[in-house]
Amino acid sequence: MRTLFPVSTDFAFPDNTFDDFFNGLFQPSPTTQYRLPKIDIEDAGKAYILTADLPGMTKEDISLTYANDVFTLRAQHQTEKETKPAQAAADQKDAPKAEEKQHDERHYIRRERSNLAYSRQFIIRNINRDGIEAAFENGVLTVTLPKLDPDAIQAGQRIDIK
């Protein structure tokens, strides 16, 4: 690449410019990485232990399903934040009644909303569906996915061609 563009300093056109661009093209950006929950899946012998960090979520925000060998974790949390200084609240009380009717409750000084939504899916085979357990404590979700007894798993069957 250096021979195509005769530049005298590395500062103007470093050797790794194109390498950095193409190597990072399909990797998550720091912003995306921050928003995805960190999930670990551990093989603990008789079960898989899934641990997910879901800060700011509550138990009611989380939905777990296991169907067709696919474990799905969904979480959605909505928050609204409103800040009003003392003077602004006093000014609102003194506002004329006609203006209040016209604007209803639209006397914002500052109002912010956020909506966090996650959905992750993992293919995890040979799970005993009836034994799945989940616990959520201090922003950490722990799901125990017990494995089926190896003897209960049907072995492959040879099919004769006629």
Protein backbone atom coordinates (compact mmCIF):
# COMPACT_ATOMS: atom_id res chain seq x y z
CA MET A 1 0.00 0.00 0.00
CA ARG A 2 2.85 2.31 0.81
CA THR A 3 4.12 2.17 -2.76
CA LEU A 4 0.82 3.42 -4.21
CA PHE A 5 0.91 6.61 -2.16
CA PRO A 6 4.39 8.10 -1.84
CA VAL A 7 4.10 9.69 1.59
CA SER A 8 7.19 10.50 3.61
CA THR A 9 5.79 10.12 7.15
CA ASP A 10 3.89 7.33 8.92
CA PHE A 11 1.69 9.94 10.57
CA ALA A 12 0.04 10.97 7.31
CA PHE A 13 -0.78 7.41 6.19
CA PRO A 14 0.15 4.64 8.63
CA ASP A 15 0.77 1.11 7.36
CA ASN A 16 -2.13 -0.37 9.31
CA THR A 17 -4.90 2.00 8.13
CA PHE A 18 -6.64 -0.51 5.89
CA ASP A 19 -5.93 -3.45 8.20
CA ASP A 20 -7.61 -1.67 11.10
CA PHE A 21 -10.63 -0.77 8.97
CA PHE A 22 -11.27 -4.25 7.55
CA ASN A 23 -10.39 -6.19 10.70
CA GLY A 24 -12.90 -4.21 12.77
CA LEU A 25 -15.64 -4.19 10.14
CA PHE A 26 -17.61 -7.15 11.49
CA GLN A 27 -16.73 -6.84 15.16
CA PRO A 28 -19.09 -5.14 17.59
CA SER A 29 -18.36 -1.51 18.26
CA PRO A 30 -17.69 -0.36 21.83
CA THR A 31 -21.20 1.14 21.92
CA THR A 32 -22.85 -2.09 20.79
CA GLN A 33 -20.70 -4.15 23.11
CA TYR A 34 -21.78 -1.98 26.04
CA ARG A 35 -25.47 -2.49 25.34
CA LEU A 36 -25.38 -6.28 24.97
CA PRO A 37 -25.67 -8.27 28.18
CA LYS A 38 -22.58 -10.24 29.10
CA ILE A 39 -23.48 -13.93 29.09
CA ASP A 40 -21.43 -16.95 30.17
CA ILE A 41 -22.46 -20.56 29.58
CA GLU A 42 -20.59 -23.09 31.69
CA ASP A 43 -20.67 -26.87 31.27
CA ALA A 44 -20.96 -28.06 34.87
CA GLY A 45 -21.13 -31.78 34.10
CA LYS A 46 -24.79 -32.64 34.63
CA ALA A 47 -26.06 -29.19 33.66
CA TYR A 48 -25.23 -26.03 31.79
CA ILE A 49 -25.11 -22.89 33.92
CA LEU A 50 -25.97 -19.67 32.08
CA THR A 51 -25.04 -16.43 33.82
CA ALA A 52 -26.16 -13.07 32.40
CA ASP A 53 -25.40 -9.57 33.69
CA LEU A 54 -28.58 -7.49 33.38
CA PRO A 55 -27.97 -4.26 35.33
CA GLY A 56 -30.98 -2.03 35.83
CA MET A 57 -33.46 -4.81 35.04
CA THR A 58 -36.04 -6.32 37.36
CA LYS A 59 -37.33 -9.88 37.46
CA GLU A 60 -40.52 -8.73 35.73
CA ASP A 61 -38.52 -7.29 32.80
CA ILE A 62 -37.04 -10.69 31.87
CA SER A 63 -38.55 -13.43 29.71
CA LEU A 64 -36.95 -16.87 29.26
CA THR A 65 -38.02 -19.61 26.84
CA TYR A 66 -36.62 -22.94 25.70
CA ALA A 67 -38.10 -24.46 22.55
CA ASN A 68 -36.69 -26.58 19.71
CA ASP A 69 -33.23 -26.66 21.33
CA VAL A 70 -33.08 -22.85 21.36
CA PHE A 71 -32.79 -20.97 24.66
CA THR A 72 -34.05 -17.39 24.37
CA LEU A 73 -33.42 -14.59 26.84
CA ARG A 74 -35.39 -11.38 26.35
CA ALA A 75 -35.32 -8.35 28.60
CA GLN A 76 -36.94 -4.95 28.23
CA HIS A 77 -36.88 -2.06 30.67
CA GLN A 78 -38.39 1.39 30.28
CA THR A 79 -37.59 4.34 32.50
CA GLU A 80 -38.79 7.91 32.67
CA LYS A 81 -36.89 10.59 34.50
CA GLU A 82 -38.18 14.06 35.24
CA THR A 83 -36.25 16.89 36.89
CA LYS A 84 -37.80 20.16 38.03
CA PRO A 85 -36.05 22.88 40.02
CA ALA A 86 -37.98 24.36 42.96
CA GLN A 87 -38.55 27.68 41.16
CA ALA A 88 -39.94 25.97 38.05
CA ALA A 89 -42.44 24.00 40.15
CA ALA A 90 -43.58 27.24 41.84
CA ASP A 91 -43.95 28.95 38.45
CA GLN A 92 -46.16 26.14 37.23
CA LYS A 93 -48.54 26.56 40.18
CA ASP A 94 -48.88 30.28 39.40
CA ALA A 95 -49.61 29.71 35.69
CA PRO A 96 -53.06 30.76 34.43
CA LYS A 97 -55.78 28.08 34.43
CA ALA A 98 -56.53 28.46 30.69
CA GLU A 99 -52.90 27.75 29.84
CA GLU A 100 -52.95 24.64 32.06
CA LYS A 101 -56.01 23.31 30.25
CA GLN A 102 -54.36 23.97 26.90
CA HIS A 103 -51.08 22.22 27.73
CA ASP A 104 -52.44 19.69 30.27
CA GLU A 105 -49.30 18.37 32.01
CA ARG A 106 -46.74 19.64 29.51
CA HIS A 107 -44.70 21.91 31.76
CA TYR A 108 -41.41 20.09 31.36
CA ILE A 109 -38.21 21.53 32.63
CA ARG A 110 -36.42 18.31 31.70
CA ARG A 111 -37.80 14.89 30.91
CA GLU A 112 -35.82 11.90 29.68
CA ARG A 113 -36.88 8.44 28.66
CA SER A 114 -34.91 5.31 27.92
CA ASN A 115 -35.86 1.92 26.62
CA LEU A 116 -33.44 -0.96 26.94
CA ALA A 117 -34.26 -4.17 25.09
CA TYR A 118 -32.16 -7.31 24.76
CA SER A 119 -32.80 -10.55 22.94
CA ARG A 120 -30.23 -13.31 22.82
CA GLN A 121 -30.63 -16.87 21.55
CA PHE A 122 -28.40 -19.91 22.01
CA ILE A 123 -28.66 -23.41 20.59
CA ILE A 124 -28.31 -25.78 23.53
CA ARG A 125 -29.23 -29.40 22.81
CA ASN A 126 -30.31 -32.31 25.03
CA ILE A 127 -31.82 -30.31 27.88
CA ASN A 128 -34.33 -31.66 30.40
CA ARG A 129 -37.06 -29.05 29.94
CA ASP A 130 -38.85 -29.89 33.19
CA GLY A 131 -35.74 -29.26 35.29
CA ILE A 132 -34.83 -25.77 34.08
CA GLU A 133 -34.45 -23.31 36.97
CA ALA A 134 -33.73 -19.57 36.99
CA ALA A 135 -32.82 -17.06 39.69
CA PHE A 136 -32.29 -13.30 39.50
CA GLU A 137 -30.37 -11.45 42.20
CA ASN A 138 -28.52 -8.11 42.22
CA GLY A 139 -28.73 -7.72 38.43
CA VAL A 140 -27.35 -11.19 37.69
CA LEU A 141 -29.52 -13.86 36.08
CA THR A 142 -28.50 -17.49 36.67
CA VAL A 143 -30.21 -20.23 34.68
CA THR A 144 -29.56 -23.93 35.29
CA LEU A 145 -30.24 -26.09 32.24
CA PRO A 146 -29.97 -29.77 33.31
CA LYS A 147 -28.74 -32.17 30.66
CA LEU A 148 -30.76 -35.18 29.61
CA ASP A 149 -29.51 -38.56 30.77
CA PRO A 150 -27.11 -39.78 28.04
CA ASP A 151 -28.95 -43.10 27.96
CA ALA A 152 -32.25 -41.32 27.30
CA ILE A 153 -30.91 -39.55 24.22
CA GLN A 154 -31.79 -41.55 21.16
CA ALA A 155 -28.84 -42.76 19.22
CA GLY A 156 -28.69 -42.13 15.50
CA GLN A 157 -30.37 -44.72 13.37
CA ARG A 158 -29.04 -46.15 10.13
CA ILE A 159 -31.47 -45.84 7.24
CA ASP A 160 -31.30 -48.45 4.51
CA ILE A 161 -31.74 -47.28 0.94
CA LYS A 162 -34.15 -49.41 -1.13
